[in-house]
PDB file of N, CA and C in Angstrom:
ATOM      1  N   MET A   1    -144.326 -40.807-140.180  1.00  0.00           N
ATOM      2  CA  MET A   1    -143.805 -40.752-138.868  1.00  0.00           C
ATOM      3  C   MET A   1    -144.334 -39.136-138.660  1.00  0.00           C
ATOM      4  N   THR A   2    -145.164 -38.866-137.859  1.00  0.00           N
ATOM      5  CA  THR A   2    -145.091 -37.307-137.523  1.00  0.00           C
ATOM      6  C   THR A   2    -144.316 -37.206-136.421  1.00  0.00           C
ATOM      7  N   LYS A   3    -143.851 -35.961-136.322  1.00  0.00           N
ATOM      8  CA  LYS A   3    -143.095 -35.325-135.491  1.00  0.00           C
ATOM      9  C   LYS A   3    -143.392 -34.964-134.120  1.00  0.00           C
ATOM     10  N   THR A   4    -143.608 -34.892-133.085  1.00  0.00           N
ATOM     11  CA  THR A   4    -143.844 -34.817-131.877  1.00  0.00           C
ATOM     12  C   THR A   4    -142.833 -33.966-130.893  1.00  0.00           C
ATOM     13  N   PRO A   5    -143.030 -33.029-130.418  1.00  0.00           N
ATOM     14  CA  PRO A   5    -142.867 -31.521-130.050  1.00  0.00           C
ATOM     15  C   PRO A   5    -142.815 -32.339-128.495  1.00  0.00           C
ATOM     16  N   GLN A   6    -141.857 -31.566-127.449  1.00  0.00           N
ATOM     17  CA  GLN A   6    -141.917 -31.832-126.139  1.00  0.00           C
ATOM     18  C   GLN A   6    -142.951 -30.778-125.907  1.00  0.00           C
ATOM     19  N   ILE A   7    -142.870 -31.576-124.070  1.00  0.00           N
ATOM     20  CA  ILE A   7    -144.187 -29.987-124.397  1.00  0.00           C
ATOM     21  C   ILE A   7    -143.142 -29.745-122.921  1.00  0.00           C
ATOM     22  N   ALA A   8    -143.046 -27.997-123.312  1.00  0.00           N
ATOM     23  CA  ALA A   8    -142.048 -26.953-122.116  1.00  0.00           C
ATOM     24  C   ALA A   8    -143.043 -26.747-120.924  1.00  0.00           C
ATOM     25  N   ASP A   9    -143.897 -26.692-121.282  1.00  0.00           N
ATOM     26  CA  ASP A   9    -145.173 -26.967-119.844  1.00  0.00           C
ATOM     27  C   ASP A   9    -147.090 -27.095-119.806  1.00  0.00           C
ATOM     28  N   ARG A  10    -147.619 -27.631-119.129  1.00  0.00           N
ATOM     29  CA  ARG A  10    -148.654 -27.939-119.332  1.00  0.00           C
ATOM     30  C   ARG A  10    -149.841 -26.227-119.190  1.00  0.00           C
ATOM     31  N   ALA A  11    -149.355 -25.103-119.534  1.00  0.00           N
ATOM     32  CA  ALA A  11    -150.133 -23.560-119.126  1.00  0.00           C
ATOM     33  C   ALA A  11    -149.697 -22.692-119.978  1.00  0.00           C
ATOM     34  N   PRO A  12    -150.110 -21.976-120.453  1.00  0.00           N
ATOM     35  CA  PRO A  12    -149.588 -21.166-121.387  1.00  0.00           C
ATOM     36  C   PRO A  12    -148.783 -20.231-120.770  1.00  0.00           C
ATOM     37  N   LYS A  13    -147.570 -19.330-121.460  1.00  0.00           N
ATOM     38  CA  LYS A  13    -147.265 -18.039-121.033  1.00  0.00           C
ATOM     39  C   LYS A  13    -147.634 -17.238-121.428  1.00  0.00           C
ATOM     40  N   ALA A  14    -147.685 -16.325-120.555  1.00  0.00           N
ATOM     41  CA  ALA A  14    -147.931 -14.573-120.868  1.00  0.00           C
ATOM     42  C   ALA A  14    -146.920 -13.768-120.798  1.00  0.00           C
ATOM     43  N   VAL A  15    -146.934 -12.927-122.237  1.00  0.00           N
ATOM     44  CA  VAL A  15    -145.782 -12.230-122.369  1.00  0.00           C
ATOM     45  C   VAL A  15    -146.668 -10.934-123.522  1.00  0.00           C
ATOM     46  N   GLU A  16    -145.980  -9.518-122.734  1.00  0.00           N
ATOM     47  CA  GLU A  16    -146.096  -8.589-122.916  1.00  0.00           C
ATOM     48  C   GLU A  16    -144.878  -8.642-124.724  1.00  0.00           C
ATOM     49  N   VAL A  17    -146.064  -8.173-125.339  1.00  0.00           N
ATOM     50  CA  VAL A  17    -145.808  -7.852-127.032  1.00  0.00           C
ATOM     51  C   VAL A  17    -146.291  -6.724-127.642  1.00  0.00           C
ATOM     52  N   GLU A  18    -144.953  -6.177-128.370  1.00  0.00           N
ATOM     53  CA  GLU A  18    -145.433  -5.248-128.868  1.00  0.00           C
ATOM     54  C   GLU A  18    -146.281  -4.827-130.426  1.00  0.00           C
ATOM     55  N   ALA A  19    -146.847  -4.261-130.512  1.00  0.00           N
ATOM     56  CA  ALA A  19    -147.512  -4.266-132.078  1.00  0.00           C
ATOM     57  C   ALA A  19    -146.276  -4.003-133.201  1.00  0.00           C
ATOM     58  N   GLY A  20    -146.264  -5.011-134.142  1.00  0.00           N
ATOM     59  CA  GLY A  20    -145.834  -4.829-135.156  1.00  0.00           C
ATOM     60  C   GLY A  20    -143.821  -5.343-135.330  1.00  0.00           C
ATOM     61  N   LYS A  21    -144.003  -5.666-133.805  1.00  0.00           N
ATOM     62  CA  LYS A  21    -142.543  -6.647-133.292  1.00  0.00           C
ATOM     63  C   LYS A  21    -143.042  -8.093-133.588  1.00  0.00           C
ATOM     64  N   THR A  22    -141.642  -8.680-134.613  1.00  0.00           N
ATOM     65  CA  THR A  22    -142.191 -10.285-134.984  1.00  0.00           C
ATOM     66  C   THR A  22    -141.010 -11.266-133.922  1.00  0.00           C
ATOM     67  N   TYR A  23    -142.227 -11.834-133.415  1.00  0.00           N
ATOM     68  CA  TYR A  23    -141.622 -13.186-132.546  1.00  0.00           C
ATOM     69  C   TYR A  23    -141.076 -14.665-132.959  1.00  0.00           C
ATOM     70  N   SER A  24    -140.488 -15.403-132.616  1.00  0.00           N
ATOM     71  CA  SER A  24    -139.785 -16.697-132.932  1.00  0.00           C
ATOM     72  C   SER A  24    -140.434 -17.731-131.808  1.00  0.00           C
ATOM     73  N   TRP A  25    -141.101 -17.960-132.126  1.00  0.00           N
ATOM     74  CA  TRP A  25    -141.942 -19.129-131.394  1.00  0.00           C
ATOM     75  C   TRP A  25    -141.080 -20.433-131.207  1.00  0.00           C
ATOM     76  N   CYS A  26    -140.683 -20.857-130.106  1.00  0.00           N
ATOM     77  CA  CYS A  26    -140.496 -22.181-129.794  1.00  0.00           C
ATOM     78  C   CYS A  26    -140.902 -23.595-130.267  1.00  0.00           C
ATOM     79  N   ALA A  27    -141.143 -23.820-131.718  1.00  0.00           N
ATOM     80  CA  ALA A  27    -142.100 -25.454-131.523  1.00  0.00           C
ATOM     81  C   ALA A  27    -142.047 -26.581-131.391  1.00  0.00           C
ATOM     82  N   CYS A  28    -140.225 -27.082-131.339  1.00  0.00           N
ATOM     83  CA  CYS A  28    -140.010 -28.047-130.508  1.00  0.00           C
ATOM     84  C   CYS A  28    -139.645 -28.396-129.311  1.00  0.00           C
ATOM     85  N   GLY A  29    -140.021 -27.569-128.416  1.00  0.00           N
ATOM     86  CA  GLY A  29    -140.502 -27.012-127.400  1.00  0.00           C
ATOM     87  C   GLY A  29    -138.954 -26.977-126.100  1.00  0.00           C
ATOM     88  N   LYS A  30    -138.213 -27.322-127.198  1.00  0.00           N
ATOM     89  CA  LYS A  30    -136.729 -27.911-126.265  1.00  0.00           C
ATOM     90  C   LYS A  30    -135.778 -26.170-125.992  1.00  0.00           C
ATOM     91  N   SER A  31    -136.196 -25.027-126.420  1.00  0.00           N
ATOM     92  CA  SER A  31    -135.569 -23.591-126.210  1.00  0.00           C
ATOM     93  C   SER A  31    -135.730 -23.190-124.561  1.00  0.00           C
ATOM     94  N   ALA A  32    -134.178 -23.404-124.199  1.00  0.00           N
ATOM     95  CA  ALA A  32    -134.153 -22.893-122.797  1.00  0.00           C
ATOM     96  C   ALA A  32    -134.714 -21.802-122.291  1.00  0.00           C
ATOM     97  N   LYS A  33    -135.373 -20.980-123.762  1.00  0.00           N
ATOM     98  CA  LYS A  33    -135.786 -19.437-123.816  1.00  0.00           C
ATOM     99  C   LYS A  33    -137.025 -19.535-124.150  1.00  0.00           C
ATOM    100  N   GLN A  34    -138.391 -20.548-123.553  1.00  0.00           N
ATOM    101  CA  GLN A  34    -139.108 -20.100-123.882  1.00  0.00           C
ATOM    102  C   GLN A  34    -140.118 -19.505-123.398  1.00  0.00           C
ATOM    103  N   PRO A  35    -141.489 -19.039-124.153  1.00  0.00           N
ATOM    104  CA  PRO A  35    -141.738 -19.309-125.366  1.00  0.00           C
ATOM    105  C   PRO A  35    -140.991 -19.342-126.666  1.00  0.00           C
ATOM    106  N   PHE A  36    -139.940 -18.928-126.257  1.00  0.00           N
ATOM    107  CA  PHE A  36    -139.483 -17.961-127.949  1.00  0.00           C
ATOM    108  C   PHE A  36    -137.858 -19.160-128.455  1.00  0.00           C
ATOM    109  N   CYS A  37    -137.767 -19.104-129.465  1.00  0.00           N
ATOM    110  CA  CYS A  37    -136.591 -19.974-130.176  1.00  0.00           C
ATOM    111  C   CYS A  37    -135.108 -19.883-129.773  1.00  0.00           C
ATOM    112  N   ASP A  38    -134.178 -20.796-129.057  1.00  0.00           N
ATOM    113  CA  ASP A  38    -132.908 -20.378-128.688  1.00  0.00           C
ATOM    114  C   ASP A  38    -132.033 -21.042-129.895  1.00  0.00           C
ATOM    115  N   GLY A  39    -132.293 -21.999-131.378  1.00  0.00           N
ATOM    116  CA  GLY A  39    -132.007 -22.574-131.822  1.00  0.00           C
ATOM    117  C   GLY A  39    -131.941 -24.157-131.430  1.00  0.00           C
ATOM    118  N   SER A  40    -132.590 -24.236-130.606  1.00  0.00           N
ATOM    119  CA  SER A  40    -132.319 -26.472-129.890  1.00  0.00           C
ATOM    120  C   SER A  40    -132.862 -27.137-131.079  1.00  0.00           C
ATOM    121  N   HIS A  41    -133.598 -26.351-131.852  1.00  0.00           N
ATOM    122  CA  HIS A  41    -134.606 -27.192-133.170  1.00  0.00           C
ATOM    123  C   HIS A  41    -133.658 -27.979-134.009  1.00  0.00           C
ATOM    124  N   LYS A  42    -132.423 -27.174-134.334  1.00  0.00           N
ATOM    125  CA  LYS A  42    -131.381 -27.172-134.938  1.00  0.00           C
ATOM    126  C   LYS A  42    -131.132 -29.031-134.992  1.00  0.00           C
ATOM    127  N   GLY A  43    -131.208 -29.239-135.952  1.00  0.00           N
ATOM    128  CA  GLY A  43    -130.954 -30.920-136.754  1.00  0.00           C
ATOM    129  C   GLY A  43    -132.377 -31.489-136.515  1.00  0.00           C
ATOM    130  N   SER A  44    -133.171 -30.879-136.155  1.00  0.00           N
ATOM    131  CA  SER A  44    -134.424 -31.640-135.619  1.00  0.00           C
ATOM    132  C   SER A  44    -135.572 -31.770-137.421  1.00  0.00           C
ATOM    133  N   GLU A  45    -136.874 -32.175-137.254  1.00  0.00           N
ATOM    134  CA  GLU A  45    -137.465 -31.588-138.062  1.00  0.00           C
ATOM    135  C   GLU A  45    -138.547 -30.159-138.136  1.00  0.00           C
ATOM    136  N   PHE A  46    -138.087 -29.535-136.519  1.00  0.00           N
ATOM    137  CA  PHE A  46    -139.051 -28.554-136.389  1.00  0.00           C
ATOM    138  C   PHE A  46    -138.054 -27.478-136.881  1.00  0.00           C
ATOM    139  N   THR A  47    -139.077 -26.153-137.053  1.00  0.00           N
ATOM    140  CA  THR A  47    -138.449 -24.951-137.504  1.00  0.00           C
ATOM    141  C   THR A  47    -139.417 -23.803-136.323  1.00  0.00           C
ATOM    142  N   PRO A  48    -138.795 -22.670-136.352  1.00  0.00           N
ATOM    143  CA  PRO A  48    -139.625 -21.592-135.391  1.00  0.00           C
ATOM    144  C   PRO A  48    -140.888 -21.010-136.571  1.00  0.00           C
ATOM    145  N   MET A  49    -141.667 -20.887-135.722  1.00  0.00           N
ATOM    146  CA  MET A  49    -143.072 -20.274-136.276  1.00  0.00           C
ATOM    147  C   MET A  49    -142.683 -18.530-135.920  1.00  0.00           C
ATOM    148  N   LYS A  50    -142.748 -17.753-136.838  1.00  0.00           N
ATOM    149  CA  LYS A  50    -142.875 -16.408-136.589  1.00  0.00           C
ATOM    150  C   LYS A  50    -144.300 -16.035-136.197  1.00  0.00           C
ATOM    151  N   TYR A  51    -144.533 -15.442-135.343  1.00  0.00           N
ATOM    152  CA  TYR A  51    -145.559 -14.481-134.798  1.00  0.00           C
ATOM    153  C   TYR A  51    -145.217 -12.693-135.091  1.00  0.00           C
ATOM    154  N   THR A  52    -145.963 -12.420-135.571  1.00  0.00           N
ATOM    155  CA  THR A  52    -146.404 -10.834-135.712  1.00  0.00           C
ATOM    156  C   THR A  52    -147.448 -10.073-134.712  1.00  0.00           C
ATOM    157  N   ALA A  53    -147.008  -9.537-133.792  1.00  0.00           N
ATOM    158  CA  ALA A  53    -148.047  -9.184-133.215  1.00  0.00           C
ATOM    159  C   ALA A  53    -149.199  -7.948-133.744  1.00  0.00           C
ATOM    160  N   GLU A  54    -150.344  -8.190-133.183  1.00  0.00           N
ATOM    161  CA  GLU A  54    -150.982  -7.173-134.118  1.00  0.00           C
ATOM    162  C   GLU A  54    -150.935  -5.819-133.521  1.00  0.00           C
ATOM    163  N   LYS A  55    -151.327  -6.421-132.131  1.00  0.00           N
ATOM    164  CA  LYS A  55    -151.270  -4.814-131.354  1.00  0.00           C
ATOM    165  C   LYS A  55    -150.495  -5.530-129.874  1.00  0.00           C
ATOM    166  N   THR A  56    -150.364  -4.133-129.158  1.00  0.00           N
ATOM    167  CA  THR A  56    -149.329  -3.896-128.027  1.00  0.00           C
ATOM    168  C   THR A  56    -150.095  -4.962-126.424  1.00  0.00           C
ATOM    169  N   GLY A  57    -149.787  -5.367-126.130  1.00  0.00           N
ATOM    170  CA  GLY A  57    -150.827  -6.324-125.114  1.00  0.00           C
ATOM    171  C   GLY A  57    -150.022  -7.633-124.475  1.00  0.00           C
ATOM    172  N   THR A  58    -150.715  -8.602-123.841  1.00  0.00           N
ATOM    173  CA  THR A  58    -151.044  -9.369-123.540  1.00  0.00           C
ATOM    174  C   THR A  58    -151.299 -10.498-124.194  1.00  0.00           C
ATOM    175  N   ALA A  59    -149.928 -11.651-125.052  1.00  0.00           N
ATOM    176  CA  ALA A  59    -150.184 -12.557-125.574  1.00  0.00           C
ATOM    177  C   ALA A  59    -150.387 -13.611-124.630  1.00  0.00           C
ATOM    178  N   TYR A  60    -150.847 -14.944-124.627  1.00  0.00           N
ATOM    179  CA  TYR A  60    -150.468 -15.970-124.357  1.00  0.00           C
ATOM    180  C   TYR A  60    -150.214 -17.439-124.716  1.00  0.00           C
ATOM    181  N   PHE A  61    -148.612 -17.333-124.978  1.00  0.00           N
ATOM    182  CA  PHE A  61    -147.619 -18.785-125.801  1.00  0.00           C
ATOM    183  C   PHE A  61    -148.376 -19.673-125.785  1.00  0.00           C
ATOM    184  N   CYS A  62    -148.651 -20.680-126.474  1.00  0.00           N
ATOM    185  CA  CYS A  62    -148.651 -22.076-125.866  1.00  0.00           C
ATOM    186  C   CYS A  62    -147.636 -22.749-125.432  1.00  0.00           C
ATOM    187  N   MET A  63    -147.111 -23.531-124.707  1.00  0.00           N
ATOM    188  CA  MET A  63    -146.423 -24.152-124.123  1.00  0.00           C
ATOM    189  C   MET A  63    -146.277 -25.401-124.430  1.00  0.00           C
ATOM    190  N   CYS A  64    -148.026 -25.865-124.358  1.00  0.00           N
ATOM    191  CA  CYS A  64    -147.698 -28.000-124.676  1.00  0.00           C
ATOM    192  C   CYS A  64    -146.861 -28.264-126.271  1.00  0.00           C
ATOM    193  N   LYS A  65    -147.135 -26.959-127.209  1.00  0.00           N
ATOM    194  CA  LYS A  65    -146.974 -27.426-128.046  1.00  0.00           C
ATOM    195  C   LYS A  65    -148.319 -27.799-128.751  1.00  0.00           C
ATOM    196  N   HIS A  66    -149.389 -27.976-128.717  1.00  0.00           N
ATOM    197  CA  HIS A  66    -150.236 -28.810-129.790  1.00  0.00           C
ATOM    198  C   HIS A  66    -151.231 -28.194-130.024  1.00  0.00           C
ATOM    199  N   SER A  67    -150.952 -26.837-129.530  1.00  0.00           N
ATOM    200  CA  SER A  67    -152.376 -25.653-130.100  1.00  0.00           C
ATOM    201  C   SER A  67    -152.991 -25.484-131.400  1.00  0.00           C
ATOM    202  N   GLY A  68    -153.902 -25.721-131.594  1.00  0.00           N
ATOM    203  CA  GLY A  68    -154.726 -25.310-132.745  1.00  0.00           C
ATOM    204  C   GLY A  68    -154.240 -24.477-133.415  1.00  0.00           C
ATOM    205  N   THR A  69    -154.293 -23.371-132.768  1.00  0.00           N
ATOM    206  CA  THR A  69    -154.014 -22.143-132.997  1.00  0.00           C
ATOM    207  C   THR A  69    -152.472 -21.465-132.760  1.00  0.00           C
ATOM    208  N   GLN A  70    -151.326 -22.496-132.651  1.00  0.00           N
ATOM    209  CA  GLN A  70    -150.415 -22.242-132.866  1.00  0.00           C
ATOM    210  C   GLN A  70    -150.034 -20.644-133.361  1.00  0.00           C
ATOM    211  N   PRO A  71    -149.181 -20.247-132.401  1.00  0.00           N
ATOM    212  CA  PRO A  71    -148.544 -19.888-131.281  1.00  0.00           C
ATOM    213  C   PRO A  71    -148.825 -19.860-130.401  1.00  0.00           C
ATOM    214  N   LEU A  72    -150.555 -19.241-130.369  1.00  0.00           N
ATOM    215  CA  LEU A  72    -150.943 -18.988-129.240  1.00  0.00           C
ATOM    216  C   LEU A  72    -151.894 -19.961-128.864  1.00  0.00           C
ATOM    217  N   CYS A  73    -152.068 -20.067-127.278  1.00  0.00           N
ATOM    218  CA  CYS A  73    -152.330 -21.195-126.545  1.00  0.00           C
ATOM    219  C   CYS A  73    -154.737 -21.320-126.928  1.00  0.00           C
ATOM    220  N   ASP A  74    -154.403 -22.267-126.914  1.00  0.00           N
ATOM    221  CA  ASP A  74    -155.799 -22.601-127.408  1.00  0.00           C
ATOM    222  C   ASP A  74    -156.780 -23.266-125.997  1.00  0.00           C
ATOM    223  N   GLY A  75    -155.829 -23.700-125.333  1.00  0.00           N
ATOM    224  CA  GLY A  75    -156.805 -24.793-123.772  1.00  0.00           C
ATOM    225  C   GLY A  75    -155.950 -26.032-124.540  1.00  0.00           C
ATOM    226  N   SER A  76    -155.146 -26.709-125.161  1.00  0.00           N
ATOM    227  CA  SER A  76    -155.020 -27.916-125.435  1.00  0.00           C
ATOM    228  C   SER A  76    -153.783 -28.250-124.608  1.00  0.00           C
ATOM    229  N   HIS A  77    -153.594 -27.629-123.709  1.00  0.00           N
ATOM    230  CA  HIS A  77    -152.807 -28.282-122.748  1.00  0.00           C
ATOM    231  C   HIS A  77    -153.926 -29.153-121.243  1.00  0.00           C
ATOM    232  N   SER A  78    -154.537 -28.811-121.711  1.00  0.00           N
ATOM    233  CA  SER A  78    -155.671 -29.483-120.524  1.00  0.00           C
ATOM    234  C   SER A  78    -156.031 -30.755-121.714  1.00  0.00           C
ATOM    235  N   LYS A  79    -155.690 -31.427-122.855  1.00  0.00           N
ATOM    236  CA  LYS A  79    -155.774 -32.273-122.935  1.00  0.00           C
ATOM    237  C   LYS A  79    -154.650 -33.433-122.967  1.00  0.00           C
ATOM    238  N   VAL A  80    -153.312 -32.869-123.144  1.00  0.00           N
ATOM    239  CA  VAL A  80    -152.026 -33.354-123.377  1.00  0.00           C
ATOM    240  C   VAL A  80    -151.689 -34.274-122.075  1.00  0.00           C
TER     241      VAL A  80
END
């Protein structure tokens, strides 16, 4: 059985990130701190995905949880 994440939103979330800093992206869609993990996945098959920013600036994190370039948005939200 394939695990299906909960869709948190149907648009990406713009976040200011710092080069070299690691972020924990919510993969289950249940976190109250979207797009980042708050531990809501506990007891499920999901685990957060680590993302280390390559440069300081704006990153567009996937909120539909179906991106092929997770944790960043690839436009998949237009198809879910």
